[in-house]
Amino acid sequence: MIKQALLSVSDKTGVLEFARELNAMGVKLLSTGGTAKLLADNGLPVTEVADYTGFPEMLDGRVKTLHPKVHGGILARRDFPEHQAALEKHGIPTIDMVVVNLYPFQATVAKAECSLEDAIENIDIGGPTMLRSSAKNHKDVVVICDPSDYTTVLAEMKAGNNVVSYDTKFMLAKKVFAHTAQYDGAITNYLTSLGEDKAHTTRSVYPQTLNMHFEKVQEMRYGENPHQSASFYRDLAPVAGALANYVQLQGKELSYNNIADADAAWECVKSFDTGACVIVKHANPCGVAIGATSLEAYSKALQTDPTSAFGGIIAFNTVCDGAAAEAVAKQFVEVLIAPSFTAEAKQIFAAKQNVRLLEIPLGVGVNQYDVKRVGGGLLVQAPDAKNVLPADVRVVSKLQPSPQQMADMMFAWRVAKYVKSNAIVFCGNGMTLGVGAGQMSRIDSARIASIKAQNAGLTLQGSAVASDAFFPFRDGLDVVVDAGATCVIHPGGSMRDQEVIDAADERGVVMLYTGVRHFRH
């Protein structure tokens, strides 16, 4: 039974209301600093920890809860007579609930002007110590580090005469150890990112010791293949607009491949400033288009490769309305993603319960790191968040691009960024016409893209082409021009750049350099 609670929180969300409920149930309240003042100012009977221990706070508040009367009351086993005898001998009551959250270290070090001194002062000592003590003795102590758990705990106390179930206490303890591990990891990441200069004024993006923390969203039936096990984990620091923020409206449980392909589709579609649709199969866009409506964008995207679109992942960056839903519902689709669905669209898909509908809010955030697992280690890099704009490109051919050619090339370049290397993408009038992906030879990617367009009955005459990396020889350029391209965009940077530029002038096509490469492996 909970008779005494210690509350000391940095995030005071809901703590006053929670304390009122505890007081109404006869729970004695202990507190410190700002939390104690908040409770007292609102008429709640609260005892300052300093008065409780008989020892004043010292060292500017660095030492206030580090006392046997606090930790003895927390750590004592209620089922060990020798523990209870020790408490009685030293006049230490039990503390049955600890409500603590920590100094905002991560928010502090995220500020550009944060000094090492500021960071050090925001390393909480007493808080993690109380949390760990309480979590260790979770059989006897309820520990809360997340304000969202107040409601659950109160409901159980009201239903059970101030008693909280063991299952809930164990859940809260696990949450605490995850929280303190993340907190200590953030401190390590910060300190090991500092430079070796005496003042530690420089800071690396890549700390000497890198801690990353994720929480499990679901275990999957299997991984990329049926003989592999798998789980999906969400970053504990949410990223705006990221796939992991999805809400599944209907459909079967997502598989490993569903999530991998859905991420590819979502990252591509959200990069467009106008309404767009992206269809992905095996992590590659097989159709991308922009349109005045979601139906128009989808209809154009489907034309590129309707065969590959079968059983694919479809993503919109605008609302999926009834007209688009009717069109999509005519084909077999594994996952459909949009920022929102109209009531009509939801009703249409209600008849197709196996279709997984995901709502994801649009956002501009990106992951801090892009990570690839290798044998015995990790490759860590910054995410490829660069979106080249018309002002960034350079015309290197004698011919200048028309406004339509410029628009087509910029569209093609945006798509090529999300196609596996070597990537060649033919586009025109706001849609993909042929996509060549994942080939060891750039020429083969170009030929495959041309074949895909031919199979789909699409002409490449007057098309724009994007290549994710430079053309090392003129042969790749000749292949795309022979297919019908009149303008080409690529990074440039080859030893034979001039040879390729001369070939463009010889063939009478426009060529742009971006100065940016988009390898995707």
Protein backbone atom coordinates (compact mmCIF):
# COMPACT_ATOMS: atom_id res chain seq x y z
CA MET A 1 0.00 0.00 0.00
CA ILE A 2 1.25 3.48 -0.89
CA LYS A 3 1.47 5.65 2.22
CA GLN A 4 4.28 8.07 1.32
CA ALA A 5 5.41 9.49 -2.03
CA LEU A 6 8.41 11.58 -3.03
CA LEU A 7 7.85 13.96 -5.94
CA SER A 8 10.73 15.88 -7.55
CA VAL A 9 10.26 16.68 -11.22
CA SER A 10 11.83 18.88 -13.86
CA ASP A 11 8.87 18.43 -16.22
CA LYS A 12 5.94 19.53 -14.09
CA THR A 13 3.25 18.53 -16.58
CA GLY A 14 0.30 17.17 -14.61
CA VAL A 15 2.21 16.82 -11.33
CA LEU A 16 -0.01 19.22 -9.38
CA GLU A 17 -3.18 17.35 -10.33
CA PHE A 18 -1.47 14.03 -9.59
CA ALA A 19 -0.35 15.25 -6.16
CA ARG A 20 -3.87 16.45 -5.35
CA GLU A 21 -5.22 12.98 -6.07
CA LEU A 22 -2.53 11.36 -3.92
CA ASN A 23 -3.30 13.74 -1.06
CA ALA A 24 -7.01 12.98 -1.35
CA MET A 25 -6.17 9.27 -0.92
CA GLY A 26 -4.20 10.01 2.26
CA VAL A 27 -0.71 9.71 0.79
CA LYS A 28 1.95 11.82 2.55
CA LEU A 29 3.87 14.04 0.14
CA LEU A 30 7.64 14.65 0.19
CA SER A 31 9.22 17.00 -2.30
CA THR A 32 12.16 19.24 -3.17
CA GLY A 33 12.84 22.65 -4.65
CA GLY A 34 10.49 23.95 -7.31
CA THR A 35 8.16 20.97 -7.07
CA ALA A 36 7.71 21.49 -3.32
CA LYS A 37 7.02 25.18 -3.88
CA LEU A 38 4.44 24.43 -6.58
CA LEU A 39 2.58 22.02 -4.31
CA ALA A 40 2.74 24.29 -1.25
CA ASP A 41 1.66 27.37 -3.21
CA ASN A 42 -1.43 25.43 -4.27
CA GLY A 43 -2.39 24.51 -0.72
CA LEU A 44 -1.14 20.93 -0.58
CA PRO A 45 0.49 19.65 2.62
CA VAL A 46 4.03 18.83 1.59
CA THR A 47 7.22 18.13 3.55
CA GLU A 48 10.53 19.40 2.18
CA VAL A 49 13.13 16.64 1.90
CA ALA A 50 15.55 18.79 3.90
CA ASP A 51 13.06 18.90 6.79
CA TYR A 52 12.40 15.20 6.40
CA THR A 53 16.07 14.19 6.56
CA GLY A 54 17.07 16.87 9.04
CA PHE A 55 19.93 17.79 6.72
CA PRO A 56 19.82 20.96 4.62
CA GLU A 57 20.35 21.10 0.87
CA MET A 58 23.97 22.00 0.13
CA LEU A 59 26.39 22.77 -2.70
CA ASP A 60 23.83 24.82 -4.63
CA GLY A 61 21.34 21.97 -4.54
CA ARG A 62 23.76 19.31 -5.78
CA VAL A 63 23.16 17.38 -2.58
CA LYS A 64 19.60 17.13 -1.30
CA THR A 65 18.15 13.63 -1.81
CA LEU A 66 21.43 11.71 -1.41
CA HIS A 67 20.65 10.66 2.15
CA PRO A 68 20.05 7.31 3.96
CA LYS A 69 16.62 8.43 5.08
CA VAL A 70 15.64 8.79 1.43
CA HIS A 71 17.40 5.80 -0.09
CA GLY A 72 16.90 3.58 2.93
CA GLY A 73 13.18 4.23 2.71
CA ILE A 74 13.23 3.39 -0.99
CA LEU A 75 15.58 0.39 -1.09
CA ALA A 76 14.41 -1.53 1.99
CA ARG A 77 12.81 -4.87 1.15
CA ARG A 78 9.42 -5.05 2.82
CA ASP A 79 9.63 -8.86 2.97
CA PHE A 80 13.06 -8.90 4.71
CA PRO A 81 12.67 -8.64 8.51
CA GLU A 82 16.28 -7.51 8.87
CA HIS A 83 15.61 -4.60 6.49
CA GLN A 84 12.53 -3.58 8.44
CA ALA A 85 14.47 -3.82 11.69
CA ALA A 86 17.17 -1.54 10.28
CA LEU A 87 14.56 1.05 9.26
CA GLU A 88 13.00 0.93 12.72
CA LYS A 89 16.37 1.24 14.43
CA HIS A 90 17.24 4.39 12.47
CA GLY A 91 13.75 5.90 12.40
CA ILE A 92 13.36 5.68 8.62
CA PRO A 93 9.81 5.41 7.19
CA THR A 94 9.31 3.65 3.88
CA ILE A 95 8.90 5.68 0.69
CA ASP A 96 6.39 3.77 -1.41
CA MET A 97 6.28 5.93 -4.53
CA VAL A 98 8.93 7.99 -6.32
CA VAL A 99 7.95 10.46 -9.04
CA VAL A 100 11.02 11.89 -10.73
CA ASN A 101 12.05 13.14 -14.12
CA LEU A 102 15.42 14.57 -14.94
CA TYR A 103 17.15 17.86 -15.74
CA PRO A 104 16.72 18.63 -19.48
CA PHE A 105 20.26 17.66 -20.50
CA GLN A 106 19.49 16.88 -24.13
CA ALA A 107 17.57 20.11 -24.64
CA THR A 108 20.42 22.05 -23.02
CA VAL A 109 23.22 20.62 -25.17
CA ALA A 110 21.10 20.99 -28.32
CA LYS A 111 21.46 24.78 -28.01
CA ALA A 112 24.24 26.21 -30.15
CA GLU A 113 25.38 28.52 -27.34
CA CYS A 114 25.60 25.74 -24.75
CA SER A 115 28.92 25.76 -22.89
CA LEU A 116 30.56 22.79 -21.20
CA GLU A 117 29.78 24.40 -17.84
CA ASP A 118 26.07 24.66 -18.72
CA ALA A 119 26.06 21.03 -19.81
CA ILE A 120 27.77 19.80 -16.65
CA GLU A 121 25.31 21.66 -14.41
CA ASN A 122 22.44 19.95 -16.24
CA ILE A 123 23.72 16.47 -15.44
CA ASP A 124 21.23 15.19 -12.89
CA ILE A 125 22.71 13.09 -10.06
CA GLY A 126 20.04 12.74 -7.38
CA GLY A 127 17.26 12.09 -9.89
CA PRO A 128 18.81 9.08 -11.66
CA THR A 129 19.92 7.71 -8.27
CA MET A 130 16.38 7.80 -6.89
CA LEU A 131 14.97 6.37 -10.12
CA ARG A 132 17.42 3.49 -10.16
CA SER A 133 16.91 2.77 -6.45
CA SER A 134 13.15 2.71 -6.91
CA ALA A 135 13.28 0.63 -10.09
CA LYS A 136 15.60 -1.89 -8.45
CA ASN A 137 13.10 -2.27 -5.60
CA HIS A 138 10.07 -2.14 -7.91
CA LYS A 139 8.41 -4.99 -6.06
CA ASP A 140 7.78 -2.58 -3.19
CA VAL A 141 8.04 0.87 -4.79
CA VAL A 142 6.03 2.51 -7.57
CA VAL A 143 8.38 4.63 -9.70
CA ILE A 144 7.17 7.11 -12.33
CA CYS A 145 9.44 9.00 -14.73
CA ASP A 146 6.83 9.77 -17.42
CA PRO A 147 3.84 12.05 -16.70
CA SER A 148 1.73 10.00 -19.13
CA ASP A 149 1.69 7.21 -16.54
CA TYR A 150 -0.03 9.26 -13.83
CA THR A 151 -3.50 8.29 -15.05
CA THR A 152 -2.79 4.56 -15.06
CA VAL A 153 -1.33 4.59 -11.56
CA LEU A 154 -4.17 6.66 -10.10
CA ALA A 155 -6.78 4.39 -11.65
CA GLU A 156 -5.21 1.31 -10.04
CA MET A 157 -4.82 3.02 -6.68
CA LYS A 158 -8.47 4.07 -6.64
CA ALA A 159 -9.61 0.60 -7.61
CA GLY A 160 -7.31 -1.20 -5.17
CA ASN A 161 -7.15 0.80 -1.92
CA ASN A 162 -3.86 2.60 -2.74
CA VAL A 163 -2.30 -0.57 -4.21
CA VAL A 164 -0.68 -0.77 -7.64
CA SER A 165 -0.33 -4.15 -9.35
CA TYR A 166 3.03 -5.83 -9.72
CA ASP A 167 2.67 -5.90 -13.50
CA THR A 168 2.32 -2.11 -13.58
CA LYS A 169 5.22 -1.62 -11.17
CA PHE A 170 7.43 -3.86 -13.31
CA MET A 171 6.41 -2.00 -16.47
CA LEU A 172 7.27 1.33 -14.82
CA ALA A 173 10.63 -0.02 -13.62
CA LYS A 174 11.57 -1.15 -17.13
CA LYS A 175 10.64 2.29 -18.40
CA VAL A 176 12.92 3.89 -15.79
CA PHE A 177 15.99 1.84 -16.73
CA ALA A 178 15.40 2.63 -20.41
CA HIS A 179 15.05 6.32 -19.49
CA THR A 180 18.22 6.50 -17.38
CA ALA A 181 20.17 4.54 -20.01
CA GLN A 182 19.09 7.04 -22.66
CA TYR A 183 20.00 9.91 -20.33
CA ASP A 184 23.47 8.54 -19.61
CA GLY A 185 23.89 7.79 -23.32
CA ALA A 186 23.12 11.41 -24.19
CA ILE A 187 25.74 12.60 -21.68
CA THR A 188 28.33 10.23 -23.15
CA ASN A 189 27.50 11.29 -26.71
CA TYR A 190 27.94 14.93 -25.75
CA LEU A 191 31.14 14.63 -23.73
CA THR A 192 32.89 12.36 -26.24
CA SER A 193 31.96 14.72 -29.08
CA LEU A 194 33.98 17.58 -27.58
CA GLY A 195 37.34 18.56 -29.02
CA GLU A 196 40.68 18.14 -27.29
CA ASP A 197 41.32 21.88 -26.92
CA LYS A 198 41.59 23.08 -23.35
CA ALA A 199 38.23 24.89 -23.40
CA HIS A 200 36.49 22.07 -25.31
CA THR A 201 34.87 24.63 -27.60
CA THR A 202 34.82 22.43 -30.71
CA ARG A 203 32.30 19.64 -31.12
CA SER A 204 32.17 16.77 -33.61
CA VAL A 205 28.95 15.52 -35.19
CA TYR A 206 30.29 12.02 -34.56
CA PRO A 207 31.10 11.32 -30.86
CA GLN A 208 33.90 8.98 -29.88
CA THR A 209 31.28 6.76 -28.22
CA LEU A 210 27.91 6.69 -29.97
CA ASN A 211 24.81 5.64 -28.05
CA MET A 212 21.55 5.21 -29.94
CA HIS A 213 18.23 4.31 -28.32
CA PHE A 214 15.11 2.82 -29.84
CA GLU A 215 11.89 1.28 -28.56
CA LYS A 216 10.22 -1.76 -30.06
CA VAL A 217 7.06 -1.08 -32.03
CA GLN A 218 6.35 -4.66 -33.04
CA GLU A 219 7.83 -8.08 -33.53
CA MET A 220 7.32 -9.39 -37.03
CA ARG A 221 6.34 -12.79 -38.33
CA TYR A 222 9.66 -12.87 -40.20
CA GLY A 223 12.31 -10.61 -41.70
CA GLU A 224 13.38 -9.99 -45.29
CA ASN A 225 13.01 -13.75 -45.83
CA PRO A 226 10.90 -16.29 -43.90
CA HIS A 227 13.92 -17.90 -42.24
CA GLN A 228 14.94 -14.57 -40.64
CA SER A 229 13.40 -13.16 -37.47
CA ALA A 230 12.80 -9.40 -37.20
CA SER A 231 11.40 -6.52 -35.15
CA PHE A 232 10.66 -2.87 -35.88
CA TYR A 233 12.07 -0.22 -33.52
CA ARG A 234 11.21 3.47 -33.30
CA ASP A 235 13.75 6.19 -32.50
CA LEU A 236 13.19 7.49 -28.96
CA ALA A 237 13.81 11.00 -30.27
CA PRO A 238 10.89 11.36 -32.74
CA VAL A 239 11.70 12.76 -36.19
CA ALA A 240 9.07 15.04 -37.74
CA GLY A 241 7.35 13.45 -40.72
CA ALA A 242 9.20 10.14 -40.39
CA LEU A 243 7.69 6.80 -41.32
CA ALA A 244 7.91 5.58 -37.72
CA ASN A 245 5.25 8.17 -36.80
CA TYR A 246 2.62 6.28 -38.80
CA VAL A 247 -0.88 5.49 -37.60
CA GLN A 248 -2.27 2.33 -39.20
CA LEU A 249 -5.95 2.77 -39.99
CA GLN A 250 -6.60 -0.74 -41.26
CA GLY A 251 -5.02 -3.82 -42.77
CA LYS A 252 -2.79 -6.69 -41.79
CA GLU A 253 0.28 -6.27 -39.63
CA LEU A 254 3.16 -4.60 -41.46
CA SER A 255 5.98 -6.88 -42.54
CA TYR A 256 9.71 -6.15 -42.60
CA ASN A 257 9.65 -5.58 -46.36
CA ASN A 258 6.48 -3.47 -46.10
CA ILE A 259 8.24 -1.07 -43.74
CA ALA A 260 11.46 -0.92 -45.77
CA ASP A 261 9.58 -0.20 -49.01
CA ALA A 262 7.13 2.17 -47.32
CA ASP A 263 10.06 4.22 -46.04
CA ALA A 264 11.49 4.49 -49.56
CA ALA A 265 8.12 5.62 -50.93
CA TRP A 266 7.43 8.09 -48.13
CA GLU A 267 10.88 9.69 -48.20
CA CYS A 268 10.60 10.21 -51.95
CA VAL A 269 7.05 11.56 -52.06
CA LYS A 270 7.49 14.00 -49.17
CA SER A 271 10.47 15.61 -50.98
CA PHE A 272 8.11 17.16 -53.55
CA ASP A 273 6.67 20.63 -52.98
CA THR A 274 3.59 19.94 -55.13
CA GLY A 275 1.08 17.11 -55.01
CA ALA A 276 2.81 13.86 -55.89
CA CYS A 277 2.41 10.09 -55.94
CA VAL A 278 5.20 7.52 -55.66
CA ILE A 279 4.87 3.80 -56.32
CA VAL A 280 7.68 1.62 -54.94
CA LYS A 281 8.57 -2.00 -55.54
CA HIS A 282 11.56 -3.64 -53.84
CA ALA A 283 12.80 -0.29 -52.46
CA ASN A 284 12.92 1.40 -55.91
CA PRO A 285 10.43 3.91 -57.32
CA CYS A 286 8.77 2.25 -60.31
CA GLY A 287 6.49 5.22 -60.94
CA VAL A 288 6.52 8.84 -59.76
CA ALA A 289 4.36 11.76 -60.88
CA ILE A 290 3.02 15.11 -59.83
CA GLY A 291 -0.55 16.23 -60.48
CA ALA A 292 -3.21 18.78 -59.67
CA THR A 293 -5.11 16.07 -57.77
CA SER A 294 -4.12 12.86 -56.05
CA LEU A 295 -5.97 10.93 -58.77
CA GLU A 296 -4.02 12.64 -61.54
CA ALA A 297 -0.69 12.05 -59.79
CA TYR A 298 -1.51 8.37 -59.22
CA SER A 299 -2.77 7.80 -62.78
CA LYS A 300 0.41 9.26 -64.25
CA ALA A 301 2.68 7.38 -61.84
CA LEU A 302 0.98 4.07 -62.66
CA GLN A 303 1.64 4.50 -66.39
CA THR A 304 5.42 4.17 -65.95
CA ASP A 305 5.38 0.51 -64.97
CA PRO A 306 1.94 -0.94 -64.19
CA THR A 307 3.40 -4.47 -64.07
CA SER A 308 5.86 -3.65 -61.28
CA ALA A 309 3.23 -1.59 -59.46
CA PHE A 310 1.27 -4.80 -58.80
CA GLY A 311 1.68 -5.54 -55.08
CA GLY A 312 3.66 -2.35 -54.52
CA ILE A 313 3.67 0.47 -52.00
CA ILE A 314 1.88 3.70 -52.92
CA ALA A 315 2.46 7.04 -51.21
CA PHE A 316 0.78 10.43 -51.60
CA ASN A 317 2.00 13.71 -50.10
CA THR A 318 -1.55 15.12 -50.18
CA VAL A 319 -4.90 13.87 -48.93
CA CYS A 320 -6.08 10.65 -50.52
CA ASP A 321 -9.64 11.40 -51.60
CA GLY A 322 -12.43 9.19 -52.89
CA ALA A 323 -11.48 9.52 -56.56
CA ALA A 324 -7.89 8.44 -55.92
CA ALA A 325 -9.05 5.65 -53.61
CA GLU A 326 -11.39 4.25 -56.26
CA ALA A 327 -8.54 4.11 -58.77
CA VAL A 328 -6.03 2.58 -56.36
CA ALA A 329 -8.56 0.01 -55.14
CA LYS A 330 -8.68 -1.49 -58.65
CA GLN A 331 -5.16 -2.87 -58.29
CA PHE A 332 -3.42 -5.06 -55.74
CA VAL A 333 -1.56 -2.78 -53.31
CA GLU A 334 0.25 -3.84 -50.14
CA VAL A 335 0.47 -0.46 -48.38
CA LEU A 336 -1.07 2.94 -49.08
CA ILE A 337 0.38 6.01 -47.35
CA ALA A 338 -0.95 9.56 -47.15
CA PRO A 339 -0.99 12.48 -44.70
CA SER A 340 -4.75 11.87 -44.42
CA PHE A 341 -7.65 10.00 -45.99
CA THR A 342 -11.13 11.38 -46.60
CA ALA A 343 -14.12 9.56 -45.13
CA GLU A 344 -15.05 8.44 -48.64
CA ALA A 345 -11.57 6.99 -49.21
CA LYS A 346 -11.71 5.10 -45.91
CA GLN A 347 -15.11 3.69 -46.83
CA ILE A 348 -13.80 2.45 -50.19
CA PHE A 349 -10.87 0.63 -48.59
CA ALA A 350 -13.01 -0.77 -45.80
CA ALA A 351 -14.08 -3.38 -48.34
CA LYS A 352 -10.40 -4.33 -48.81
CA GLN A 353 -9.33 -5.07 -45.26
CA ASN A 354 -5.97 -6.54 -46.27
CA VAL A 355 -4.80 -3.18 -47.63
CA ARG A 356 -2.68 -1.46 -45.01
CA LEU A 357 -3.59 2.23 -44.75
CA LEU A 358 -1.01 4.43 -43.04
CA GLU A 359 -1.49 8.06 -42.06
CA ILE A 360 1.76 9.98 -41.54
CA PRO A 361 1.90 13.72 -40.79
CA LEU A 362 4.17 15.62 -43.15
CA GLY A 363 7.28 17.14 -41.57
CA VAL A 364 10.70 18.51 -42.47
CA GLY A 365 12.80 16.63 -39.91
CA VAL A 366 15.46 14.08 -40.84
CA ASN A 367 17.26 11.40 -38.86
CA GLN A 368 20.43 12.63 -37.21
CA TYR A 369 22.33 9.63 -38.56
CA ASP A 370 22.06 7.22 -41.45
CA VAL A 371 23.32 3.84 -40.25
CA LYS A 372 24.39 0.68 -42.08
CA ARG A 373 25.31 -2.45 -40.15
CA VAL A 374 28.47 -4.23 -41.24
CA GLY A 375 30.26 -7.24 -39.77
CA GLY A 376 31.32 -6.23 -36.26
CA GLY A 377 30.48 -2.57 -36.61
CA LEU A 378 28.48 0.33 -38.07
CA LEU A 379 28.91 2.77 -40.91
CA VAL A 380 27.45 6.09 -39.78
CA GLN A 381 26.84 9.11 -41.98
CA ALA A 382 24.67 12.19 -42.23
CA PRO A 383 21.42 11.53 -44.13
CA ASP A 384 21.26 12.54 -47.79
CA ALA A 385 19.02 15.53 -47.18
CA LYS A 386 20.30 17.67 -50.06
CA ASN A 387 17.63 18.79 -52.53
CA VAL A 388 19.19 20.56 -55.50
CA LEU A 389 17.30 23.66 -56.68
CA PRO A 390 17.35 25.32 -60.13
CA ALA A 391 19.65 28.04 -58.79
CA ASP A 392 22.21 25.39 -57.83
CA VAL A 393 22.67 23.83 -61.27
CA ARG A 394 25.09 24.83 -64.04
CA VAL A 395 24.45 24.63 -67.78
CA VAL A 396 27.55 23.11 -69.42
CA SER A 397 26.19 22.54 -72.93
CA LYS A 398 25.98 25.12 -75.72
CA LEU A 399 22.21 24.74 -75.76
CA GLN A 400 20.25 26.41 -72.97
CA PRO A 401 17.28 24.61 -71.39
CA SER A 402 13.72 25.70 -72.06
CA PRO A 403 11.50 26.25 -69.00
CA GLN A 404 9.84 22.87 -69.64
CA GLN A 405 13.18 21.09 -69.95
CA MET A 406 14.39 22.69 -66.72
CA ALA A 407 11.24 21.54 -64.92
CA ASP A 408 11.56 18.02 -66.32
CA MET A 409 15.22 17.74 -65.36
CA MET A 410 14.63 18.97 -61.83
CA PHE A 411 11.80 16.46 -61.47
CA ALA A 412 13.99 13.66 -62.83
CA TRP A 413 16.82 14.62 -60.47
CA ARG A 414 14.49 14.52 -57.46
CA VAL A 415 13.41 10.99 -58.40
CA ALA A 416 16.93 9.71 -59.16
CA LYS A 417 18.00 10.45 -55.60
CA TYR A 418 15.71 7.64 -54.39
CA VAL A 419 16.63 5.04 -57.03
CA LYS A 420 19.29 2.42 -56.23
CA SER A 421 22.62 3.04 -57.94
CA ASN A 422 23.43 2.94 -60.76
CA ALA A 423 20.31 5.01 -61.44
CA ILE A 424 19.02 6.33 -64.76
CA VAL A 425 15.59 7.99 -64.84
CA PHE A 426 13.70 9.23 -67.93
CA CYS A 427 10.97 11.80 -67.21
CA GLY A 428 8.65 14.19 -68.98
CA ASN A 429 5.69 16.40 -68.13
CA GLY A 430 5.84 15.70 -64.41
CA MET A 431 6.06 11.90 -64.55
CA THR A 432 8.60 9.12 -64.83
CA LEU A 433 8.76 7.39 -68.22
CA GLY A 434 11.41 4.76 -67.55
CA VAL A 435 13.50 3.81 -64.51
CA GLY A 436 16.73 1.82 -64.58
CA ALA A 437 17.96 0.83 -61.11
CA GLY A 438 20.59 -1.13 -59.27
CA GLN A 439 22.80 -2.19 -62.18
CA MET A 440 26.55 -2.61 -62.01
CA SER A 441 26.86 -0.71 -65.31
CA ARG A 442 25.33 2.72 -65.92
CA ILE A 443 24.83 1.79 -69.57
CA ASP A 444 22.75 -1.22 -68.52
CA SER A 445 20.62 0.99 -66.26
CA ALA A 446 20.03 3.32 -69.22
CA ARG A 447 19.07 0.44 -71.50
CA ILE A 448 16.75 -1.06 -68.89
CA ALA A 449 15.02 2.29 -68.37
CA SER A 450 14.46 2.54 -72.12
CA ILE A 451 13.09 -1.02 -72.28
CA LYS A 452 10.72 -0.34 -69.34
CA ALA A 453 9.32 2.72 -71.15
CA GLN A 454 8.87 0.72 -74.34
CA ASN A 455 7.08 -2.05 -72.45
CA ALA A 456 4.74 0.51 -70.89
CA GLY A 457 3.98 2.03 -74.31
CA LEU A 458 5.54 5.37 -73.40
CA THR A 459 7.60 7.44 -75.78
CA LEU A 460 10.94 8.86 -74.70
CA GLN A 461 11.07 11.43 -77.49
CA GLY A 462 11.82 14.83 -75.94
CA SER A 463 12.37 13.32 -72.50
CA ALA A 464 14.69 14.44 -69.71
CA VAL A 465 17.21 12.08 -68.11
CA ALA A 466 18.79 12.14 -64.66
CA SER A 467 21.82 10.08 -63.66
CA ASP A 468 22.64 9.78 -59.95
CA ALA A 469 26.39 10.00 -60.70
CA PHE A 470 28.47 11.32 -63.58
CA PHE A 471 28.76 9.67 -66.99
CA PRO A 472 32.31 8.28 -66.97
CA PHE A 473 32.27 7.97 -70.78
CA ARG A 474 30.12 9.30 -73.60
CA ASP A 475 28.60 5.86 -74.30
CA GLY A 476 26.02 6.22 -71.54
CA LEU A 477 24.97 9.60 -72.90
CA ASP A 478 24.67 8.19 -76.41
CA VAL A 479 22.33 5.45 -75.18
CA VAL A 480 19.87 7.89 -73.56
CA VAL A 481 19.98 10.31 -76.51
CA ASP A 482 19.41 7.44 -78.94
CA ALA A 483 16.35 6.57 -76.86
CA GLY A 484 14.94 10.09 -77.34
CA ALA A 485 16.27 12.26 -74.51
CA THR A 486 16.87 15.93 -75.34
CA CYS A 487 18.25 17.05 -71.97
CA VAL A 488 20.37 15.42 -69.29
CA ILE A 489 21.15 16.28 -65.67
CA HIS A 490 23.99 14.67 -63.70
CA PRO A 491 26.61 15.64 -61.11
CA GLY A 492 29.65 16.01 -63.37
CA GLY A 493 33.11 15.47 -61.96
CA SER A 494 34.54 12.81 -64.25
CA MET A 495 38.05 12.95 -65.67
CA ARG A 496 36.31 12.79 -69.07
CA ASP A 497 33.76 15.52 -68.39
CA GLN A 498 34.82 17.48 -71.45
CA GLU A 499 34.41 14.41 -73.64
CA VAL A 500 30.85 13.96 -72.38
CA ILE A 501 30.07 17.70 -72.77
CA ASP A 502 31.40 17.62 -76.33
CA ALA A 503 29.19 14.60 -77.01
CA ALA A 504 26.15 16.51 -75.71
CA ASP A 505 26.93 19.42 -78.02
CA GLU A 506 27.52 17.02 -80.91
CA ARG A 507 24.16 15.33 -80.29
CA GLY A 508 22.38 18.67 -79.77
CA VAL A 509 21.15 18.09 -76.23
CA VAL A 510 21.07 20.23 -73.11
CA MET A 511 23.30 19.18 -70.20
CA LEU A 512 23.18 20.39 -66.60
CA TYR A 513 25.65 19.75 -63.79
CA THR A 514 24.42 19.62 -60.20
CA GLY A 515 27.78 19.19 -58.48
CA VAL A 516 25.99 16.76 -56.14
CA ARG A 517 26.08 12.97 -56.33
CA HIS A 518 23.29 10.74 -55.00
CA PHE A 519 24.68 7.23 -54.69
CA ARG A 520 22.14 4.97 -52.96
CA HIS A 521 23.30 1.52 -51.90
